[in-house]
């Protein structure tokens, strides 16, 4: 007799992973100096799926990470190990709709005329047509 799990897997009733949307994760990090801030940024940079990161807040104690499929709990756990402590106050999804930038009207650029002549064109020195020597 077959188990329910085997039948369920065969029919395809297993849940498909949903599309991962970009998330904005705010982590409050207990830092004392610039070295600790750079260490926090380094830990966040090594996580899978991180697109951008920044340090914000009045006291520069909030690490904001934006990414697709970032595990916020694992990131907080790694920050707790490397630094004195970290809290996870907010995780929110970022809307994927970005406003399209307005295109500036195109202008034609006139090419710059050649201001110099290569040395092989006239020998070693360019012609001295504009300079008049009077004896």
Protein backbone atom coordinates (compact mmCIF):
# COMPACT_ATOMS: atom_id res chain seq x y z
CA UNK A 1 0.00 0.00 0.00
CA UNK A 2 1.33 3.42 -0.92
CA UNK A 3 1.63 6.21 1.56
CA UNK A 4 -0.18 9.50 1.21
CA UNK A 5 3.09 11.34 0.89
CA UNK A 6 4.11 9.34 -2.18
CA UNK A 7 0.72 9.92 -3.82
CA UNK A 8 0.74 13.61 -2.96
CA UNK A 9 4.21 14.05 -4.47
CA UNK A 10 3.24 12.17 -7.58
CA UNK A 11 0.11 14.25 -8.19
CA UNK A 12 1.99 17.50 -7.74
CA UNK A 13 0.02 18.65 -4.71
CA UNK A 14 3.21 19.82 -3.05
CA UNK A 15 3.42 23.57 -2.67
CA UNK A 16 5.41 25.36 -5.31
CA UNK A 17 7.77 28.07 -4.05
CA UNK A 18 6.16 31.45 -4.58
CA UNK A 19 7.93 34.24 -6.40
CA UNK A 20 10.30 35.97 -4.09
CA UNK A 21 9.70 39.69 -3.95
CA UNK A 22 12.32 42.22 -2.93
CA UNK A 23 12.27 42.87 0.80
CA UNK A 24 13.42 45.83 2.83
CA UNK A 25 14.85 44.59 6.11
CA UNK A 26 15.66 47.02 8.91
CA UNK A 27 17.97 45.65 11.61
CA UNK A 28 18.92 47.65 14.68
CA UNK A 29 22.58 46.95 15.34
CA UNK A 30 24.38 47.84 18.56
CA UNK A 31 27.55 49.51 17.31
CA UNK A 32 30.09 51.70 19.04
CA UNK A 33 32.48 52.76 16.28
CA UNK A 34 33.00 52.95 12.53
CA UNK A 35 34.83 49.62 12.54
CA UNK A 36 31.73 47.90 13.92
CA UNK A 37 29.58 49.57 11.24
CA UNK A 38 31.88 48.36 8.48
CA UNK A 39 31.86 44.87 9.99
CA UNK A 40 28.04 44.90 9.93
CA UNK A 41 28.06 45.94 6.27
CA UNK A 42 30.54 43.18 5.51
CA UNK A 43 28.34 40.53 7.12
CA UNK A 44 25.31 41.79 5.20
CA UNK A 45 27.25 41.78 1.93
CA UNK A 46 28.07 38.08 2.27
CA UNK A 47 24.42 37.01 2.56
CA UNK A 48 22.74 35.46 -0.47
CA UNK A 49 20.31 37.72 -2.34
CA UNK A 50 21.40 41.11 -0.99
CA UNK A 51 21.04 43.84 -3.62
CA UNK A 52 21.83 46.95 -1.56
CA UNK A 53 22.57 47.91 2.01
CA UNK A 54 22.95 51.13 3.95
CA UNK A 55 23.36 52.42 7.48
CA UNK A 56 20.64 54.84 8.52
CA UNK A 57 19.09 56.32 11.64
CA UNK A 58 19.90 59.19 13.94
CA UNK A 59 22.63 57.28 15.76
CA UNK A 60 23.74 55.34 12.63
CA UNK A 61 22.55 52.17 14.28
CA UNK A 62 20.08 50.82 11.71
CA UNK A 63 21.22 48.53 8.93
CA UNK A 64 18.82 48.62 5.97
CA UNK A 65 19.16 45.68 3.59
CA UNK A 66 17.21 45.37 0.34
CA UNK A 67 17.27 42.07 -1.46
CA UNK A 68 15.41 39.28 -3.15
CA UNK A 69 15.11 36.10 -1.09
CA UNK A 70 17.19 37.31 1.87
CA UNK A 71 16.70 35.30 5.06
CA UNK A 72 16.19 38.03 7.65
CA UNK A 73 16.43 35.72 10.65
CA UNK A 74 19.70 34.19 9.45
CA UNK A 75 21.10 37.67 8.77
CA UNK A 76 20.17 38.83 12.26
CA UNK A 77 21.70 35.70 13.77
CA UNK A 78 24.99 36.29 11.93
CA UNK A 79 25.06 39.92 13.06
CA UNK A 80 24.50 38.83 16.67
CA UNK A 81 27.47 36.51 16.44
CA UNK A 82 29.82 39.09 14.92
CA UNK A 83 28.65 42.12 16.92
CA UNK A 84 27.33 42.60 20.45
CA UNK A 85 23.70 42.40 19.43
CA UNK A 86 21.09 42.97 16.77
CA UNK A 87 17.31 43.34 16.74
CA UNK A 88 14.91 42.86 13.83
CA UNK A 89 12.25 45.59 14.11
CA UNK A 90 10.82 45.63 10.58
CA UNK A 91 10.61 43.57 7.40
CA UNK A 92 8.50 44.85 4.51
CA UNK A 93 8.13 44.11 0.83
CA UNK A 94 9.27 46.65 -1.70
CA UNK A 95 6.98 47.41 -4.60
CA UNK A 96 8.56 46.27 -7.83
CA UNK A 97 6.94 49.03 -9.87
CA UNK A 98 9.46 51.74 -10.51
CA UNK A 99 8.46 55.00 -12.12
CA UNK A 100 9.82 55.29 -15.61
CA UNK A 101 12.23 58.19 -15.92
CA UNK A 102 11.23 60.86 -18.39
CA UNK A 103 13.53 60.98 -21.33
CA UNK A 104 15.19 64.30 -22.00
CA UNK A 105 14.83 65.68 -25.49
CA UNK A 106 17.66 64.50 -27.64
CA UNK A 107 20.12 67.08 -28.87
CA UNK A 108 22.50 66.67 -31.73
CA UNK A 109 26.14 66.89 -30.85
CA UNK A 110 28.43 68.39 -33.44
CA UNK A 111 31.74 66.58 -33.67
CA UNK A 112 34.78 68.49 -32.58
CA UNK A 113 37.16 69.45 -35.35
CA UNK A 114 40.68 68.14 -35.09
CA UNK A 115 42.87 70.62 -33.23
CA UNK A 116 46.20 68.92 -33.78
CA UNK A 117 47.96 67.02 -36.50
CA UNK A 118 49.86 63.82 -35.93
CA UNK A 119 53.64 64.06 -36.24
CA UNK A 120 53.79 61.70 -39.20
CA UNK A 121 51.43 63.88 -41.23
CA UNK A 122 53.78 66.83 -41.73
CA UNK A 123 57.02 65.33 -40.65
CA UNK A 124 58.24 65.97 -37.15
CA UNK A 125 56.61 69.37 -36.49
CA UNK A 126 53.18 70.69 -37.58
CA UNK A 127 53.18 73.55 -40.08
CA UNK A 128 53.70 77.04 -38.73
CA UNK A 129 51.04 78.81 -40.77
CA UNK A 130 49.51 80.83 -37.99
CA UNK A 131 52.77 82.08 -36.52
CA UNK A 132 54.57 84.85 -38.39
CA UNK A 133 58.21 85.47 -37.75
CA UNK A 134 59.58 88.86 -38.67
CA UNK A 135 63.30 89.44 -38.98
